[in-house]
Amino acid sequence: MLGRVIALSLFLTIGGSMTAHAEAGTFLGFRTEMVAANGAEIYARIGGSGPAVVLIHGFGDTGDMWEPLAVDLSKNHTVIVPDLRGMGLSSITEGGYEKWNQAADVQALLDHLGVGKADIIGHDIGTMVAYAYAARYPEKTDKLVVMDAPVPGIPPWNDIVRDPRLWHFDFGGPDMERLVLGRERIYLDRFWNDFAGTPAKFDEATRQHYAKLYARPGAMRAAFAQFRSIRQDAVDNQAALAKKLPMPVLAIGGAKSFGEMEAVVMRNAATNVTGVVVPDSGHWLMEEAPGPTISAVQRFLEQN
């Protein structure tokens, strides 16, 4: 989907009549706003009307990943799609990448928009931020959806984190930044290929789009910080485990990625968990299997 949008963007740019829908960071029918939030400037897309839903992206993409789901949900929801601090079009800050703090970014954004309660949806790093938000602000979270990522500190975290594919959790620092500088696309391809069920579904135009955003000055340093804060995230989340999440939770895993483990993790952190495994998909659910993923979210949000 995003690949087609970016291709359209290039076509319209050449023709001199770019539309709002074709521009990176915008969705058809949505407005955009840069909001001062908790020491960062958070770029957000806002559209629709009705109960609020927040869509939180992860590493390897930006809020742009959510366009098909966001446009669909905006038919009967107010949909808010931020870029996390240091990523996409949001400001790059020196610190504050702990997920508990980024939950405060989301809350400051919602306060600015006058939103009292919301459904919170996250993928990848966004899952970690979404959990932190629900744990920190349970009274403001109607429902929680987490997609294909572990939550630091939540069992069986100690087993999950031993997976050698997760070496990137501790990757960062000046020398690593030098290694990746000018080679952002190579580094990102590793994630798009190794964690996909079908890498070709993460198409070339989409890869070019995100690689350009992650090549911004300081963007990879911020991306590394998202992962290097995970040790502190585990400490914060272990403390939060003293009280399980009370709201309904949907845990979605790709059959060729985290699968049923998503629900296993969340049942250690919440009292009311529904698990869904999306067939024929790896980690990149919105790129590899948008239809089944959107349907699962819709069904969950419609339930009383």
C-alpha atoms as a PDB file:
ATOM      1  CA  MET A   1       0.000   0.000   0.000  1.00  0.00           C
ATOM      2  CA  LEU A   2       2.647   2.549   1.037  1.00  0.00           C
ATOM      3  CA  GLY A   3       4.754   1.526  -1.961  1.00  0.00           C
ATOM      4  CA  ARG A   4       1.905   2.515  -4.271  1.00  0.00           C
ATOM      5  CA  VAL A   5       1.470   5.812  -2.419  1.00  0.00           C
ATOM      6  CA  ILE A   6       5.163   6.689  -2.709  1.00  0.00           C
ATOM      7  CA  ALA A   7       5.193   5.733  -6.393  1.00  0.00           C
ATOM      8  CA  LEU A   8       2.207   8.028  -6.891  1.00  0.00           C
ATOM      9  CA  SER A   9       4.087  10.747  -5.003  1.00  0.00           C
ATOM     10  CA  LEU A  10       7.026  10.540  -7.381  1.00  0.00           C
ATOM     11  CA  PHE A  11       4.719  10.646 -10.401  1.00  0.00           C
ATOM     12  CA  LEU A  12       2.800  13.669  -9.164  1.00  0.00           C
ATOM     13  CA  THR A  13       5.961  15.505  -8.116  1.00  0.00           C
ATOM     14  CA  ILE A  14       7.333  15.186 -11.636  1.00  0.00           C
ATOM     15  CA  GLY A  15       3.995  16.386 -12.988  1.00  0.00           C
ATOM     16  CA  GLY A  16       3.999  19.385 -10.672  1.00  0.00           C
ATOM     17  CA  SER A  17       0.666  18.645  -8.938  1.00  0.00           C
ATOM     18  CA  MET A  18       1.430  16.785  -5.744  1.00  0.00           C
ATOM     19  CA  THR A  19      -1.650  16.037  -3.621  1.00  0.00           C
ATOM     20  CA  ALA A  20      -1.834  15.910   0.174  1.00  0.00           C
ATOM     21  CA  HIS A  21      -2.410  12.150  -0.016  1.00  0.00           C
ATOM     22  CA  ALA A  22       0.812  11.672  -1.941  1.00  0.00           C
ATOM     23  CA  GLU A  23       3.081  13.499   0.479  1.00  0.00           C
ATOM     24  CA  ALA A  24       5.080  11.481   2.998  1.00  0.00           C
ATOM     25  CA  GLY A  25       3.623  11.798   6.467  1.00  0.00           C
ATOM     26  CA  THR A  26       0.049  12.599   5.381  1.00  0.00           C
ATOM     27  CA  PHE A  27      -3.057  10.478   4.869  1.00  0.00           C
ATOM     28  CA  LEU A  28      -6.076  11.286   2.727  1.00  0.00           C
ATOM     29  CA  GLY A  29      -8.564  13.300   4.783  1.00  0.00           C
ATOM     30  CA  PHE A  30      -6.179  13.758   7.730  1.00  0.00           C
ATOM     31  CA  ARG A  31      -4.593  16.941   9.014  1.00  0.00           C
ATOM     32  CA  THR A  32      -1.084  17.087  10.458  1.00  0.00           C
ATOM     33  CA  GLU A  33       0.303  18.923  13.432  1.00  0.00           C
ATOM     34  CA  MET A  34       3.660  19.294  15.194  1.00  0.00           C
ATOM     35  CA  VAL A  35       2.953  19.252  18.929  1.00  0.00           C
ATOM     36  CA  ALA A  36       5.271  20.224  21.785  1.00  0.00           C
ATOM     37  CA  ALA A  37       5.014  17.189  24.041  1.00  0.00           C
ATOM     38  CA  ASN A  38       7.109  16.278  27.075  1.00  0.00           C
ATOM     39  CA  GLY A  39      10.312  17.858  25.819  1.00  0.00           C
ATOM     40  CA  ALA A  40       9.948  16.723  22.208  1.00  0.00           C
ATOM     41  CA  GLU A  41       8.177  17.918  19.087  1.00  0.00           C
ATOM     42  CA  ILE A  42       5.853  15.122  18.045  1.00  0.00           C
ATOM     43  CA  TYR A  43       4.574  14.999  14.479  1.00  0.00           C
ATOM     44  CA  ALA A  44       1.031  13.645  14.322  1.00  0.00           C
ATOM     45  CA  ARG A  45      -1.631  12.870  11.735  1.00  0.00           C
ATOM     46  CA  ILE A  46      -5.222  13.352  12.948  1.00  0.00           C
ATOM     47  CA  GLY A  47      -8.382  12.350  11.123  1.00  0.00           C
ATOM     48  CA  GLY A  48     -11.965  11.162  11.489  1.00  0.00           C
ATOM     49  CA  SER A  49     -14.377  11.573  14.389  1.00  0.00           C
ATOM     50  CA  GLY A  50     -15.684   9.424  17.209  1.00  0.00           C
ATOM     51  CA  PRO A  51     -13.886   7.422  19.923  1.00  0.00           C
ATOM     52  CA  ALA A  52     -10.141   8.025  19.853  1.00  0.00           C
ATOM     53  CA  VAL A  53      -7.596   5.484  18.610  1.00  0.00           C
ATOM     54  CA  VAL A  54      -3.819   5.984  18.747  1.00  0.00           C
ATOM     55  CA  LEU A  55      -1.575   4.042  16.332  1.00  0.00           C
ATOM     56  CA  ILE A  56       2.086   3.762  17.397  1.00  0.00           C
ATOM     57  CA  HIS A  57       4.715   2.577  14.900  1.00  0.00           C
ATOM     58  CA  GLY A  58       8.010   0.819  15.526  1.00  0.00           C
ATOM     59  CA  PHE A  59      11.548   0.654  14.162  1.00  0.00           C
ATOM     60  CA  GLY A  60      12.122   0.349  10.430  1.00  0.00           C
ATOM     61  CA  ASP A  61       9.148   2.496   9.550  1.00  0.00           C
ATOM     62  CA  THR A  62       7.222   5.544  10.799  1.00  0.00           C
ATOM     63  CA  GLY A  63       3.584   6.407  11.375  1.00  0.00           C
ATOM     64  CA  ASP A  64       3.233   6.126   7.591  1.00  0.00           C
ATOM     65  CA  MET A  65       2.959   2.328   8.036  1.00  0.00           C
ATOM     66  CA  TRP A  66      -0.548   2.730   9.457  1.00  0.00           C
ATOM     67  CA  GLU A  67      -2.197   4.461   6.485  1.00  0.00           C
ATOM     68  CA  PRO A  68      -4.587   1.624   5.450  1.00  0.00           C
ATOM     69  CA  LEU A  69      -5.727   0.992   9.027  1.00  0.00           C
ATOM     70  CA  ALA A  70      -5.888   4.691   9.905  1.00  0.00           C
ATOM     71  CA  VAL A  71      -8.046   5.602   6.912  1.00  0.00           C
ATOM     72  CA  ASP A  72     -10.349   2.651   7.575  1.00  0.00           C
ATOM     73  CA  LEU A  73     -10.774   3.408  11.282  1.00  0.00           C
ATOM     74  CA  SER A  74     -11.351   7.118  10.615  1.00  0.00           C
ATOM     75  CA  LYS A  75     -14.812   6.243   9.279  1.00  0.00           C
ATOM     76  CA  ASN A  76     -16.019   5.966  12.892  1.00  0.00           C
ATOM     77  CA  HIS A  77     -13.064   6.935  15.092  1.00  0.00           C
ATOM     78  CA  THR A  78     -10.826   9.890  15.734  1.00  0.00           C
ATOM     79  CA  VAL A  79      -7.493   8.428  14.652  1.00  0.00           C
ATOM     80  CA  ILE A  80      -4.194   9.850  15.928  1.00  0.00           C
ATOM     81  CA  VAL A  81      -0.945   8.636  14.363  1.00  0.00           C
ATOM     82  CA  PRO A  82       2.250  10.077  15.837  1.00  0.00           C
ATOM     83  CA  ASP A  83       5.847   9.568  14.834  1.00  0.00           C
ATOM     84  CA  LEU A  84       7.829   8.543  17.918  1.00  0.00           C
ATOM     85  CA  ARG A  85      10.436  10.984  19.188  1.00  0.00           C
ATOM     86  CA  GLY A  86      13.578  10.844  17.089  1.00  0.00           C
ATOM     87  CA  MET A  87      11.814   9.019  14.260  1.00  0.00           C
ATOM     88  CA  GLY A  88       9.953  10.011  11.107  1.00  0.00           C
ATOM     89  CA  LEU A  89       9.198  13.742  11.181  1.00  0.00           C
ATOM     90  CA  SER A  90       9.299  14.164  14.971  1.00  0.00           C
ATOM     91  CA  SER A  91      12.201  15.958  16.637  1.00  0.00           C
ATOM     92  CA  ILE A  92      15.443  14.160  17.430  1.00  0.00           C
ATOM     93  CA  THR A  93      16.154  14.566  21.133  1.00  0.00           C
ATOM     94  CA  GLU A  94      19.266  13.785  23.158  1.00  0.00           C
ATOM     95  CA  GLY A  95      17.412  11.426  25.484  1.00  0.00           C
ATOM     96  CA  GLY A  96      13.995  10.350  26.700  1.00  0.00           C
ATOM     97  CA  TYR A  97      13.734   7.131  24.671  1.00  0.00           C
ATOM     98  CA  GLU A  98      12.676   4.991  27.612  1.00  0.00           C
ATOM     99  CA  LYS A  99       9.238   3.637  26.735  1.00  0.00           C
ATOM    100  CA  TRP A 100       7.754   4.833  30.031  1.00  0.00           C
ATOM    101  CA  ASN A 101       8.806   8.369  29.051  1.00  0.00           C
ATOM    102  CA  GLN A 102       7.528   7.979  25.484  1.00  0.00           C
ATOM    103  CA  ALA A 103       4.176   6.989  26.969  1.00  0.00           C
ATOM    104  CA  ALA A 104       4.228  10.466  28.504  1.00  0.00           C
ATOM    105  CA  ASP A 105       4.896  11.870  25.005  1.00  0.00           C
ATOM    106  CA  VAL A 106       1.696  10.190  23.828  1.00  0.00           C
ATOM    107  CA  GLN A 107      -0.255  11.473  26.827  1.00  0.00           C
ATOM    108  CA  ALA A 108       0.966  15.044  26.265  1.00  0.00           C
ATOM    109  CA  LEU A 109      -0.146  14.759  22.621  1.00  0.00           C
ATOM    110  CA  LEU A 110      -3.593  13.534  23.664  1.00  0.00           C
ATOM    111  CA  ASP A 111      -3.884  16.286  26.278  1.00  0.00           C
ATOM    112  CA  HIS A 112      -3.100  18.842  23.571  1.00  0.00           C
ATOM    113  CA  LEU A 113      -5.822  17.348  21.367  1.00  0.00           C
ATOM    114  CA  GLY A 114      -8.339  17.258  24.212  1.00  0.00           C
ATOM    115  CA  VAL A 115      -8.604  13.458  24.205  1.00  0.00           C
ATOM    116  CA  GLY A 116      -9.491  11.912  27.561  1.00  0.00           C
ATOM    117  CA  LYS A 117      -9.492   8.180  26.774  1.00  0.00           C
ATOM    118  CA  ALA A 118      -8.348   6.161  23.776  1.00  0.00           C
ATOM    119  CA  ASP A 119      -7.734   2.730  22.338  1.00  0.00           C
ATOM    120  CA  ILE A 120      -3.967   2.255  22.036  1.00  0.00           C
ATOM    121  CA  ILE A 121      -2.423   0.187  19.235  1.00  0.00           C
ATOM    122  CA  GLY A 122       1.277  -0.538  18.763  1.00  0.00           C
ATOM    123  CA  HIS A 123       3.634  -2.553  16.563  1.00  0.00           C
ATOM    124  CA  ASP A 124       7.294  -3.440  17.232  1.00  0.00           C
ATOM    125  CA  ILE A 125       8.807  -0.654  19.404  1.00  0.00           C
ATOM    126  CA  GLY A 126       5.298   0.790  19.321  1.00  0.00           C
ATOM    127  CA  THR A 127       4.114  -2.319  21.194  1.00  0.00           C
ATOM    128  CA  MET A 128       6.578  -1.481  23.964  1.00  0.00           C
ATOM    129  CA  VAL A 129       5.363   2.126  24.098  1.00  0.00           C
ATOM    130  CA  ALA A 130       1.717   1.006  23.962  1.00  0.00           C
ATOM    131  CA  TYR A 131       2.206  -1.354  26.909  1.00  0.00           C
ATOM    132  CA  ALA A 132       3.983   1.377  28.888  1.00  0.00           C
ATOM    133  CA  TYR A 133       1.116   3.758  28.135  1.00  0.00           C
ATOM    134  CA  ALA A 134      -1.529   1.276  29.300  1.00  0.00           C
ATOM    135  CA  ALA A 135       0.465   0.477  32.442  1.00  0.00           C
ATOM    136  CA  ARG A 136       1.102   4.135  33.267  1.00  0.00           C
ATOM    137  CA  TYR A 137      -2.366   5.420  32.301  1.00  0.00           C
ATOM    138  CA  PRO A 138      -4.800   2.496  32.713  1.00  0.00           C
ATOM    139  CA  GLU A 139      -7.682   4.849  33.456  1.00  0.00           C
ATOM    140  CA  LYS A 140      -7.130   6.525  30.071  1.00  0.00           C
ATOM    141  CA  THR A 141      -6.805   3.295  28.042  1.00  0.00           C
ATOM    142  CA  ASP A 142     -10.049   1.722  26.801  1.00  0.00           C
ATOM    143  CA  LYS A 143      -8.467  -1.152  24.853  1.00  0.00           C
ATOM    144  CA  LEU A 144      -4.905  -2.171  24.015  1.00  0.00           C
ATOM    145  CA  VAL A 145      -3.653  -3.860  20.827  1.00  0.00           C
ATOM    146  CA  VAL A 146      -0.050  -5.091  20.636  1.00  0.00           C
ATOM    147  CA  MET A 147       1.533  -6.503  17.492  1.00  0.00           C
ATOM    148  CA  ASP A 148       4.452  -8.865  16.994  1.00  0.00           C
ATOM    149  CA  ALA A 149       7.020  -7.756  19.549  1.00  0.00           C
ATOM    150  CA  PRO A 150       8.076  -8.746  23.049  1.00  0.00           C
ATOM    151  CA  VAL A 151       7.639  -6.395  25.975  1.00  0.00           C
ATOM    152  CA  PRO A 152      10.872  -5.867  27.943  1.00  0.00           C
ATOM    153  CA  GLY A 153      10.762  -7.432  31.387  1.00  0.00           C
ATOM    154  CA  ILE A 154       7.509  -9.336  30.801  1.00  0.00           C
ATOM    155  CA  PRO A 155       8.014 -13.139  30.948  1.00  0.00           C
ATOM    156  CA  PRO A 156       9.342 -15.014  29.150  1.00  0.00           C
ATOM    157  CA  TRP A 157      11.557 -11.998  28.456  1.00  0.00           C
ATOM    158  CA  ASN A 158      14.748 -13.642  29.724  1.00  0.00           C
ATOM    159  CA  ASP A 159      14.326 -16.438  27.171  1.00  0.00           C
ATOM    160  CA  ILE A 160      13.218 -14.180  24.303  1.00  0.00           C
ATOM    161  CA  VAL A 161      16.118 -11.773  24.672  1.00  0.00           C
ATOM    162  CA  ARG A 162      18.615 -14.630  24.209  1.00  0.00           C
ATOM    163  CA  ASP A 163      17.519 -15.027  20.585  1.00  0.00           C
ATOM    164  CA  PRO A 164      20.688 -14.216  18.575  1.00  0.00           C
ATOM    165  CA  ARG A 165      18.601 -12.324  16.020  1.00  0.00           C
ATOM    166  CA  LEU A 166      18.064  -9.624  18.660  1.00  0.00           C
ATOM    167  CA  TRP A 167      21.719  -8.556  18.805  1.00  0.00           C
ATOM    168  CA  HIS A 168      20.620  -5.107  17.658  1.00  0.00           C
ATOM    169  CA  PHE A 169      19.095  -4.369  21.084  1.00  0.00           C
ATOM    170  CA  ASP A 170      22.566  -3.364  22.337  1.00  0.00           C
ATOM    171  CA  PHE A 171      23.910  -1.978  19.051  1.00  0.00           C
ATOM    172  CA  GLY A 172      24.772   1.710  19.142  1.00  0.00           C
ATOM    173  CA  GLY A 173      27.364   4.284  20.061  1.00  0.00           C
ATOM    174  CA  PRO A 174      29.727   6.479  18.019  1.00  0.00           C
ATOM    175  CA  ASP A 175      31.559   3.642  16.240  1.00  0.00           C
ATOM    176  CA  MET A 176      28.315   1.909  15.262  1.00  0.00           C
ATOM    177  CA  GLU A 177      26.978   5.215  13.975  1.00  0.00           C
ATOM    178  CA  ARG A 178      30.091   5.544  11.803  1.00  0.00           C
ATOM    179  CA  LEU A 179      29.580   2.023  10.456  1.00  0.00           C
ATOM    180  CA  VAL A 180      25.992   2.749   9.443  1.00  0.00           C
ATOM    181  CA  LEU A 181      26.474   6.343   8.212  1.00  0.00           C
ATOM    182  CA  GLY A 182      25.655   6.425   4.515  1.00  0.00           C
ATOM    183  CA  ARG A 183      24.701   2.740   4.692  1.00  0.00           C
ATOM    184  CA  GLU A 184      21.338   3.158   6.414  1.00  0.00           C
ATOM    185  CA  ARG A 185      19.569   1.235   3.659  1.00  0.00           C
ATOM    186  CA  ILE A 186      21.870  -1.785   4.130  1.00  0.00           C
ATOM    187  CA  TYR A 187      21.237  -1.807   7.875  1.00  0.00           C
ATOM    188  CA  LEU A 188      17.472  -1.466   7.425  1.00  0.00           C
ATOM    189  CA  ASP A 189      17.323  -4.153   4.742  1.00  0.00           C
ATOM    190  CA  ARG A 190      18.559  -6.610   7.341  1.00  0.00           C
ATOM    191  CA  PHE A 191      15.387  -6.013   9.405  1.00  0.00           C
ATOM    192  CA  TRP A 192      13.006  -5.905   6.447  1.00  0.00           C
ATOM    193  CA  ASN A 193      14.442  -9.172   5.100  1.00  0.00           C
ATOM    194  CA  ASP A 194      15.281 -11.229   8.185  1.00  0.00           C
ATOM    195  CA  PHE A 195      12.065 -10.522  10.087  1.00  0.00           C
ATOM    196  CA  ALA A 196       9.684 -10.821   7.136  1.00  0.00           C
ATOM    197  CA  GLY A 197       7.827 -13.944   6.137  1.00  0.00           C
ATOM    198  CA  THR A 198       7.980 -12.766   2.518  1.00  0.00           C
ATOM    199  CA  PRO A 199      10.595  -9.999   2.138  1.00  0.00           C
ATOM    200  CA  ALA A 200       9.334  -8.992  -1.309  1.00  0.00           C
ATOM    201  CA  LYS A 201       6.124  -7.727   0.281  1.00  0.00           C
ATOM    202  CA  PHE A 202       8.189  -4.930   1.830  1.00  0.00           C
ATOM    203  CA  ASP A 203       8.495  -3.383  -1.609  1.00  0.00           C
ATOM    204  CA  GLU A 204      11.278  -1.268  -3.076  1.00  0.00           C
ATOM    205  CA  ALA A 205       9.456   2.065  -3.012  1.00  0.00           C
ATOM    206  CA  THR A 206       8.602   1.563   0.670  1.00  0.00           C
ATOM    207  CA  ARG A 207      12.225   0.717   1.462  1.00  0.00           C
ATOM    208  CA  GLN A 208      13.467   3.832  -0.303  1.00  0.00           C
ATOM    209  CA  HIS A 209      10.933   5.962   1.537  1.00  0.00           C
ATOM    210  CA  TYR A 210      11.968   4.822   5.006  1.00  0.00           C
ATOM    211  CA  ALA A 211      15.684   4.689   4.223  1.00  0.00           C
ATOM    212  CA  LYS A 212      15.542   8.386   3.336  1.00  0.00           C
ATOM    213  CA  LEU A 213      13.877   9.255   6.645  1.00  0.00           C
ATOM    214  CA  TYR A 214      16.363   7.188   8.659  1.00  0.00           C
ATOM    215  CA  ALA A 215      19.253   8.903   6.868  1.00  0.00           C
ATOM    216  CA  ARG A 216      18.320  12.268   8.415  1.00  0.00           C
ATOM    217  CA  PRO A 217      21.150  13.684  10.589  1.00  0.00           C
ATOM    218  CA  GLY A 218      20.858  12.082  14.029  1.00  0.00           C
ATOM    219  CA  ALA A 219      18.036   9.712  13.047  1.00  0.00           C
ATOM    220  CA  MET A 220      20.050   6.518  13.424  1.00  0.00           C
ATOM    221  CA  ARG A 221      21.429   7.690  16.771  1.00  0.00           C
ATOM    222  CA  ALA A 222      17.827   8.107  17.930  1.00  0.00           C
ATOM    223  CA  ALA A 223      16.897   4.713  16.475  1.00  0.00           C
ATOM    224  CA  PHE A 224      19.753   3.047  18.336  1.00  0.00           C
ATOM    225  CA  ALA A 225      18.580   4.825  21.517  1.00  0.00           C
ATOM    226  CA  GLN A 226      15.140   3.252  21.125  1.00  0.00           C
ATOM    227  CA  PHE A 227      16.791  -0.156  21.527  1.00  0.00           C
ATOM    228  CA  ARG A 228      19.521   0.740  24.007  1.00  0.00           C
ATOM    229  CA  SER A 229      16.883   1.981  26.444  1.00  0.00           C
ATOM    230  CA  ILE A 230      15.349  -1.504  26.554  1.00  0.00           C
ATOM    231  CA  ARG A 231      17.382  -2.507  29.611  1.00  0.00           C
ATOM    232  CA  GLN A 232      15.747   0.310  31.580  1.00  0.00           C
ATOM    233  CA  ASP A 233      12.383  -0.522  30.008  1.00  0.00           C
ATOM    234  CA  ALA A 234      12.655  -4.039  31.453  1.00  0.00           C
ATOM    235  CA  VAL A 235      13.203  -2.601  34.931  1.00  0.00           C
ATOM    236  CA  ASP A 236      10.241  -0.232  34.575  1.00  0.00           C
ATOM    237  CA  ASN A 237       7.937  -2.947  33.266  1.00  0.00           C
ATOM    238  CA  GLN A 238       8.892  -5.459  35.934  1.00  0.00           C
ATOM    239  CA  ALA A 239       7.805  -2.912  38.531  1.00  0.00           C
ATOM    240  CA  ALA A 240       4.530  -2.396  36.660  1.00  0.00           C
ATOM    241  CA  LEU A 241       3.821  -6.157  36.756  1.00  0.00           C
ATOM    242  CA  ALA A 242       2.738  -5.792  40.363  1.00  0.00           C
ATOM    243  CA  LYS A 243      -0.654  -4.811  38.918  1.00  0.00           C
ATOM    244  CA  LYS A 244      -1.906  -6.532  35.756  1.00  0.00           C
ATOM    245  CA  LEU A 245      -3.532  -4.464  33.038  1.00  0.00           C
ATOM    246  CA  PRO A 246      -7.325  -4.417  33.511  1.00  0.00           C
ATOM    247  CA  MET A 247      -8.434  -3.387  29.998  1.00  0.00           C
ATOM    248  CA  PRO A 248      -9.159  -5.832  27.131  1.00  0.00           C
ATOM    249  CA  VAL A 249      -6.000  -6.664  25.187  1.00  0.00           C
ATOM    250  CA  LEU A 250      -5.589  -8.006  21.657  1.00  0.00           C
ATOM    251  CA  ALA A 251      -2.224  -9.682  20.989  1.00  0.00           C
ATOM    252  CA  ILE A 252      -1.460 -10.172  17.280  1.00  0.00           C
ATOM    253  CA  GLY A 253       1.507 -12.173  16.036  1.00  0.00           C
ATOM    254  CA  GLY A 254       2.640 -13.086  12.542  1.00  0.00           C
ATOM    255  CA  ALA A 255       2.637 -16.846  11.972  1.00  0.00           C
ATOM    256  CA  LYS A 256       6.200 -16.637  10.583  1.00  0.00           C
ATOM    257  CA  SER A 257       7.394 -14.375  13.381  1.00  0.00           C
ATOM    258  CA  PHE A 258       6.246 -13.954  17.001  1.00  0.00           C
ATOM    259  CA  GLY A 259       3.050 -15.946  16.457  1.00  0.00           C
ATOM    260  CA  GLU A 260       1.281 -17.227  19.572  1.00  0.00           C
ATOM    261  CA  MET A 261       4.065 -15.913  21.803  1.00  0.00           C
ATOM    262  CA  GLU A 262       2.515 -12.438  21.599  1.00  0.00           C
ATOM    263  CA  ALA A 263      -0.494 -13.666  23.587  1.00  0.00           C
ATOM    264  CA  VAL A 264       1.725 -15.696  25.946  1.00  0.00           C
ATOM    265  CA  VAL A 265       3.615 -12.536  26.873  1.00  0.00           C
ATOM    266  CA  MET A 266       0.507 -10.428  27.340  1.00  0.00           C
ATOM    267  CA  ARG A 267      -1.240 -13.026  29.518  1.00  0.00           C
ATOM    268  CA  ASN A 268       1.594 -12.497  31.971  1.00  0.00           C
ATOM    269  CA  ALA A 269       0.820  -8.767  31.999  1.00  0.00           C
ATOM    270  CA  ALA A 270      -2.974  -8.488  31.614  1.00  0.00           C
ATOM    271  CA  THR A 271      -6.143 -10.175  32.829  1.00  0.00           C
ATOM    272  CA  ASN A 272      -8.213 -10.183  29.603  1.00  0.00           C
ATOM    273  CA  VAL A 273      -6.191 -11.175  26.518  1.00  0.00           C
ATOM    274  CA  THR A 274      -7.354 -12.332  23.090  1.00  0.00           C
ATOM    275  CA  GLY A 275      -4.705 -13.844  20.828  1.00  0.00           C
ATOM    276  CA  VAL A 276      -4.679 -13.756  17.018  1.00  0.00           C
ATOM    277  CA  VAL A 277      -2.072 -15.296  14.721  1.00  0.00           C
ATOM    278  CA  VAL A 278      -2.032 -13.880  11.188  1.00  0.00           C
ATOM    279  CA  PRO A 279      -1.260 -16.641   8.633  1.00  0.00           C
ATOM    280  CA  ASP A 280       1.513 -16.295   6.051  1.00  0.00           C
ATOM    281  CA  SER A 281       2.948 -13.150   7.657  1.00  0.00           C
ATOM    282  CA  GLY A 282       6.204 -12.356   9.315  1.00  0.00           C
ATOM    283  CA  HIS A 283       6.889  -9.376  11.541  1.00  0.00           C
ATOM    284  CA  TRP A 284       5.737  -6.686   9.084  1.00  0.00           C
ATOM    285  CA  LEU A 285       2.015  -7.285   9.483  1.00  0.00           C
ATOM    286  CA  MET A 286       0.788  -4.094   7.815  1.00  0.00           C
ATOM    287  CA  GLU A 287       3.005  -4.666   4.782  1.00  0.00           C
ATOM    288  CA  GLU A 288       2.678  -8.460   4.517  1.00  0.00           C
ATOM    289  CA  ALA A 289      -0.929  -9.057   5.540  1.00  0.00           C
ATOM    290  CA  PRO A 290      -2.820  -5.759   5.855  1.00  0.00           C
ATOM    291  CA  GLY A 291      -6.262  -7.253   5.198  1.00  0.00           C
ATOM    292  CA  PRO A 292      -6.297  -9.891   7.964  1.00  0.00           C
ATOM    293  CA  THR A 293      -4.536  -7.539  10.362  1.00  0.00           C
ATOM    294  CA  ILE A 294      -7.034  -4.719   9.811  1.00  0.00           C
ATOM    295  CA  SER A 295      -9.957  -7.144  10.144  1.00  0.00           C
ATOM    296  CA  ALA A 296      -8.629  -8.465  13.467  1.00  0.00           C
ATOM    297  CA  VAL A 297      -8.267  -4.937  14.852  1.00  0.00           C
ATOM    298  CA  GLN A 298     -11.705  -3.887  13.618  1.00  0.00           C
ATOM    299  CA  ARG A 299     -13.424  -6.894  15.211  1.00  0.00           C
ATOM    300  CA  PHE A 300     -11.691  -6.274  18.515  1.00  0.00           C
ATOM    301  CA  LEU A 301     -12.486  -2.567  18.677  1.00  0.00           C
ATOM    302  CA  GLU A 302     -16.149  -3.217  17.788  1.00  0.00           C
ATOM    303  CA  GLN A 303     -16.646  -5.652  20.667  1.00  0.00           C
ATOM    304  CA  ASN A 304     -18.379  -4.307  23.760  1.00  0.00           C
END
